[in-house]
Structure formats: C-alpha cells, structure tokens
Amino acid sequence: MATQLSSLKITNVVRQMTTNTNEFRKNKLLKKLDEQISLATAQKNGELFTVKRLKNVKDGNGNSTQIEVQKRVSPWFWSDNNKTYVQIRYGTRVLELQKGKSTIECAGPDDLLKTLGIVKTAVASGELDSMIDAASVKVRERFGR
C-alpha cells in the first residue's frame, strides 16, 4: 500500500532561526534610507509620497481583520539658506557620522538624492556598523526603564 507521503523526500533538517543582528540592523536602516530617497524624489517632483502598512483591527464582535493604513514618514532632511541638510537616523537617534558631527550639508535637492545614495552604499558596505551599534544601544536603553 503506497501512501502519498512515500513519494516525497523527507529529511531531518532543522530550520536555523538565528539571525545576525548586525545584518538585521543594517537592513532596517537600508529600508529607511529607501523611504527617504523616495520621499525626497517625490518632493522634488512635487508629488505626494505615502507608505502603506497593514494594521490589525477588531470589530464589535472581537473578530480581527487587517486593513491598509498610511504610515507617516518624517523627512530626515530640511532646507535653510538655500542649502539642504540631512541627518541619518537609527530609530529615534541621530547617527554621529564624525566626532561631534551628525549633519550632512547638501547643495540642493539633486545633491540630496546623490548624498542619500552615497550613505546607502556606505551602510550596505558596513562603513556605519559601529555607529549603528552605538545608536542601537542607546535606543535599547530607553526600553530598559
């Protein structure tokens, strides 16, 4: 008597659940940088930029359903005196890019996009890993109260 399961190749492999925390943090920052690049591009083109996320909502009977809502994206950049400035954030913390310096000066919107691209490449290559780790420690301290 042949069963359906006998036609499958069954092995004894356990799924590895450990993730590298540095890679997780790096990917989190890269995702936020993508949002900032999209936001800057939309503002430059005079368009509206929105990010949607799924939210669980319970109705009167206690049934849970998922709805799509807009997520607020705060810009990391601002303009002052014909120059644009940007600060790179990890969570609520601004990354200190050099000792005592955390703001990047850009010539304008085009330079802002180029700068965000350079920062994204630097994050992907691991240049900001120590800064991300330091900011992560500060963010986690707030949860330890």
Protein backbone atom coordinates (compact mmCIF):
# COMPACT_ATOMS: atom_id res chain seq x y z
CA MET A 1 0.00 0.00 0.00
CA ALA A 2 1.76 3.19 -1.21
CA THR A 3 0.94 6.44 0.55
CA GLN A 4 1.18 9.99 -0.72
CA LEU A 5 3.98 10.78 1.72
CA SER A 6 6.14 7.95 0.45
CA SER A 7 6.54 9.83 -2.84
CA LEU A 8 8.24 12.74 -1.01
CA LYS A 9 11.86 13.02 0.04
CA ILE A 10 11.74 13.50 3.82
CA THR A 11 14.88 14.63 5.66
CA ASN A 12 15.86 15.59 9.20
CA VAL A 13 16.97 19.22 8.71
CA VAL A 14 16.18 21.86 11.33
CA ARG A 15 15.49 25.42 10.22
CA GLN A 16 18.11 27.81 11.51
CA MET A 17 16.40 30.65 13.38
CA THR A 18 19.40 32.72 14.44
CA THR A 19 19.86 35.97 12.59
CA ASN A 20 22.89 38.14 12.52
CA THR A 21 21.94 41.26 14.50
CA ASN A 22 24.34 43.46 12.52
CA GLU A 23 22.74 42.41 9.23
CA PHE A 24 19.26 42.92 10.70
CA ARG A 25 20.11 46.47 11.84
CA LYS A 26 21.82 47.27 8.55
CA ASN A 27 18.79 46.08 6.56
CA LYS A 28 16.48 48.10 8.81
CA LEU A 29 18.49 51.26 8.12
CA LEU A 30 18.68 50.50 4.38
CA LYS A 31 14.88 50.19 4.27
CA LYS A 32 14.50 53.57 5.97
CA LEU A 33 17.02 55.12 3.57
CA ASP A 34 14.96 53.81 0.64
CA GLU A 35 11.91 55.56 2.14
CA GLN A 36 13.88 58.82 2.49
CA ILE A 37 15.11 58.60 -1.11
CA SER A 38 11.55 58.03 -2.32
CA LEU A 39 10.29 60.91 -0.16
CA ALA A 40 12.99 63.28 -1.46
CA THR A 41 12.29 62.25 -5.06
CA ALA A 42 8.56 62.82 -4.61
CA GLN A 43 9.10 66.25 -3.03
CA LYS A 44 11.50 67.23 -5.81
CA ASN A 45 8.87 66.27 -8.42
CA GLY A 46 6.06 67.97 -6.50
CA GLU A 47 4.31 64.68 -5.79
CA LEU A 48 2.80 63.20 -2.64
CA PHE A 49 4.63 60.26 -1.08
CA THR A 50 2.86 57.74 1.15
CA VAL A 51 3.84 54.42 2.63
CA LYS A 52 1.15 51.90 3.46
CA ARG A 53 1.24 49.27 6.18
CA LEU A 54 -1.13 46.60 7.45
CA LYS A 55 -2.90 47.13 10.76
CA ASN A 56 -4.98 44.62 12.72
CA VAL A 57 -8.37 45.99 13.80
CA LYS A 58 -11.02 44.27 15.92
CA ASP A 59 -14.68 44.81 15.19
CA GLY A 60 -17.51 44.84 17.74
CA ASN A 61 -17.69 41.04 17.81
CA GLY A 62 -13.97 40.66 18.58
CA ASN A 63 -13.08 39.46 15.07
CA SER A 64 -9.68 40.66 13.89
CA THR A 65 -9.23 41.94 10.35
CA GLN A 66 -6.32 43.59 8.57
CA ILE A 67 -6.71 46.98 6.95
CA GLU A 68 -4.23 49.05 5.00
CA VAL A 69 -3.35 52.42 6.58
CA GLN A 70 -0.92 55.18 5.67
CA LYS A 71 2.30 55.29 7.64
CA ARG A 72 3.75 58.68 8.46
CA VAL A 73 7.29 59.19 7.12
CA SER A 74 9.12 62.10 8.70
CA PRO A 75 11.84 63.59 6.50
CA TRP A 76 15.40 63.41 7.77
CA PHE A 77 16.25 66.49 5.66
CA TRP A 78 15.39 70.19 5.69
CA SER A 79 16.34 73.36 3.81
CA ASP A 80 17.82 76.54 5.24
CA ASN A 81 19.57 79.44 3.44
CA ASN A 82 19.44 77.74 0.01
CA LYS A 83 21.16 74.63 1.37
CA THR A 84 19.72 71.28 2.28
CA TYR A 85 20.79 69.39 5.38
CA VAL A 86 20.26 65.73 6.24
CA GLN A 87 20.73 63.70 9.41
CA ILE A 88 20.84 59.90 9.29
CA ARG A 89 18.65 58.30 11.95
CA TYR A 90 18.51 54.88 13.52
CA GLY A 91 15.22 54.69 15.39
CA THR A 92 14.94 57.93 17.33
CA ARG A 93 18.68 58.51 17.43
CA VAL A 94 20.70 60.64 15.02
CA LEU A 95 23.89 58.86 13.96
CA GLU A 96 27.10 60.71 14.74
CA LEU A 97 28.98 60.43 11.45
CA GLN A 98 32.17 62.06 12.74
CA LYS A 99 33.17 63.04 16.25
CA GLY A 100 30.68 65.73 17.28
CA LYS A 101 29.15 65.98 13.78
CA SER A 102 25.89 64.42 12.67
CA THR A 103 24.59 66.60 9.81
CA ILE A 104 25.45 66.37 6.12
CA GLU A 105 25.25 69.58 4.06
CA CYS A 106 23.94 69.31 0.50
CA ALA A 107 23.79 71.94 -2.25
CA GLY A 108 20.16 71.23 -3.13
CA PRO A 109 17.55 68.56 -3.89
CA ASP A 110 19.65 66.89 -6.60
CA ASP A 111 22.65 66.74 -4.30
CA LEU A 112 20.40 65.38 -1.52
CA LEU A 113 19.45 62.37 -3.64
CA LYS A 114 23.11 61.78 -4.52
CA THR A 115 24.09 62.09 -0.83
CA LEU A 116 21.41 59.65 0.32
CA GLY A 117 22.62 57.21 -2.34
CA ILE A 118 26.19 57.50 -1.07
CA VAL A 119 25.04 56.93 2.52
CA LYS A 120 23.03 53.90 1.41
CA THR A 121 26.12 52.43 -0.29
CA ALA A 122 28.20 53.13 2.84
CA VAL A 123 25.63 51.37 5.05
CA ALA A 124 25.48 48.37 2.71
CA SER A 125 29.28 48.05 2.70
CA GLY A 126 29.42 48.18 6.52
CA GLU A 127 31.06 51.58 6.99
CA LEU A 128 28.42 52.68 9.53
CA ASP A 129 28.20 49.42 11.51
CA SER A 130 29.89 50.83 14.63
CA MET A 131 27.62 53.90 14.56
CA ILE A 132 24.52 51.73 14.13
CA ASP A 133 25.60 49.56 17.08
CA ALA A 134 26.13 52.62 19.29
CA ALA A 135 22.72 54.03 18.35
CA SER A 136 21.09 50.64 18.90
CA VAL A 137 22.46 50.52 22.46
CA LYS A 138 21.02 53.99 23.14
CA VAL A 139 17.63 53.01 21.72
CA ARG A 140 17.52 49.81 23.79
CA GLU A 141 18.40 51.74 26.98
CA ARG A 142 15.05 53.53 26.72
CA PHE A 143 13.22 50.19 26.87
CA GLY A 144 15.10 49.09 30.00
CA ARG A 145 13.49 51.60 32.34
